[in-house]
Amino acid sequence: MVLVKILGILFLALIVIVPMLDRFGKRHSDEDVSKISRWILPLVMLLAVLQLVLYMVGK
């Protein structure tokens, strides 16, 4: 039951926050987006490797 409450709160927060960010958020140029997007895949791979190491260690 606690999990359902947490998921409900997160869902409601997303319903409120996403439109506010869309309305009041800063617009980024194409150069800024390309700089940020080139970091996404390496960071996801690093996260996956760290999660695998933590799983193998047993924590």
C-alpha atoms as a PDB file:
ATOM      1  CA  MET A   1       0.000   0.000   0.000  1.00  0.00           C
ATOM      2  CA  VAL A   2       2.880   2.343   0.735  1.00  0.00           C
ATOM      3  CA  LEU A   3       4.266   1.701  -2.741  1.00  0.00           C
ATOM      4  CA  VAL A   4       0.945   2.708  -4.311  1.00  0.00           C
ATOM      5  CA  LYS A   5       0.947   5.953  -2.322  1.00  0.00           C
ATOM      6  CA  ILE A   6       4.512   6.754  -3.363  1.00  0.00           C
ATOM      7  CA  LEU A   7       3.768   6.023  -7.018  1.00  0.00           C
ATOM      8  CA  GLY A   8       0.615   8.139  -6.844  1.00  0.00           C
ATOM      9  CA  ILE A   9       2.505  11.088  -5.382  1.00  0.00           C
ATOM     10  CA  LEU A  10       5.206  10.772  -8.037  1.00  0.00           C
ATOM     11  CA  PHE A  11       2.590  10.600 -10.798  1.00  0.00           C
ATOM     12  CA  LEU A  12       0.805  13.699  -9.506  1.00  0.00           C
ATOM     13  CA  ALA A  13       4.110  15.547  -9.197  1.00  0.00           C
ATOM     14  CA  LEU A  14       4.921  14.722 -12.813  1.00  0.00           C
ATOM     15  CA  ILE A  15       1.497  15.945 -13.926  1.00  0.00           C
ATOM     16  CA  VAL A  16       2.176  19.287 -12.211  1.00  0.00           C
ATOM     17  CA  ILE A  17       5.929  19.731 -12.836  1.00  0.00           C
ATOM     18  CA  VAL A  18       6.159  18.807 -16.521  1.00  0.00           C
ATOM     19  CA  PRO A  19       3.666  21.452 -17.735  1.00  0.00           C
ATOM     20  CA  MET A  20       5.285  24.067 -15.481  1.00  0.00           C
ATOM     21  CA  LEU A  21       8.722  23.289 -16.913  1.00  0.00           C
ATOM     22  CA  ASP A  22       7.308  23.449 -20.402  1.00  0.00           C
ATOM     23  CA  ARG A  23       5.747  26.833 -19.759  1.00  0.00           C
ATOM     24  CA  PHE A  24       8.410  28.526 -17.639  1.00  0.00           C
ATOM     25  CA  GLY A  25      11.535  26.579 -18.582  1.00  0.00           C
ATOM     26  CA  LYS A  26      14.478  28.071 -20.421  1.00  0.00           C
ATOM     27  CA  ARG A  27      14.731  27.312 -24.134  1.00  0.00           C
ATOM     28  CA  HIS A  28      18.042  25.745 -25.125  1.00  0.00           C
ATOM     29  CA  SER A  29      19.852  26.314 -28.385  1.00  0.00           C
ATOM     30  CA  ASP A  30      20.781  23.445 -30.693  1.00  0.00           C
ATOM     31  CA  GLU A  31      24.417  23.755 -29.639  1.00  0.00           C
ATOM     32  CA  ASP A  32      23.535  23.368 -25.956  1.00  0.00           C
ATOM     33  CA  VAL A  33      21.371  20.339 -26.675  1.00  0.00           C
ATOM     34  CA  SER A  34      24.122  18.662 -28.699  1.00  0.00           C
ATOM     35  CA  LYS A  35      26.646  19.280 -25.897  1.00  0.00           C
ATOM     36  CA  ILE A  36      24.325  17.715 -23.337  1.00  0.00           C
ATOM     37  CA  SER A  37      23.208  14.810 -25.518  1.00  0.00           C
ATOM     38  CA  ARG A  38      26.740  13.577 -26.161  1.00  0.00           C
ATOM     39  CA  TRP A  39      27.109  12.913 -22.407  1.00  0.00           C
ATOM     40  CA  ILE A  40      23.907  10.897 -21.988  1.00  0.00           C
ATOM     41  CA  LEU A  41      24.978   7.527 -23.448  1.00  0.00           C
ATOM     42  CA  PRO A  42      28.358   7.359 -21.644  1.00  0.00           C
ATOM     43  CA  LEU A  43      26.692   8.238 -18.336  1.00  0.00           C
ATOM     44  CA  VAL A  44      24.008   5.590 -18.835  1.00  0.00           C
ATOM     45  CA  MET A  45      26.684   2.998 -19.593  1.00  0.00           C
ATOM     46  CA  LEU A  46      28.650   4.048 -16.496  1.00  0.00           C
ATOM     47  CA  LEU A  47      25.503   3.722 -14.393  1.00  0.00           C
ATOM     48  CA  ALA A  48      24.822   0.262 -15.815  1.00  0.00           C
ATOM     49  CA  VAL A  49      28.376  -0.906 -15.067  1.00  0.00           C
ATOM     50  CA  LEU A  50      28.219   0.472 -11.517  1.00  0.00           C
ATOM     51  CA  GLN A  51      24.870  -1.220 -10.920  1.00  0.00           C
ATOM     52  CA  LEU A  52      26.296  -4.499 -12.211  1.00  0.00           C
ATOM     53  CA  VAL A  53      29.306  -4.194  -9.895  1.00  0.00           C
ATOM     54  CA  LEU A  54      27.083  -3.444  -6.910  1.00  0.00           C
ATOM     55  CA  TYR A  55      24.880  -6.406  -7.774  1.00  0.00           C
ATOM     56  CA  MET A  56      27.855  -8.730  -8.054  1.00  0.00           C
ATOM     57  CA  VAL A  57      29.304  -7.514  -4.756  1.00  0.00           C
ATOM     58  CA  GLY A  58      25.992  -8.194  -3.062  1.00  0.00           C
ATOM     59  CA  LYS A  59      25.035  -4.810  -1.658  1.00  0.00           C
END
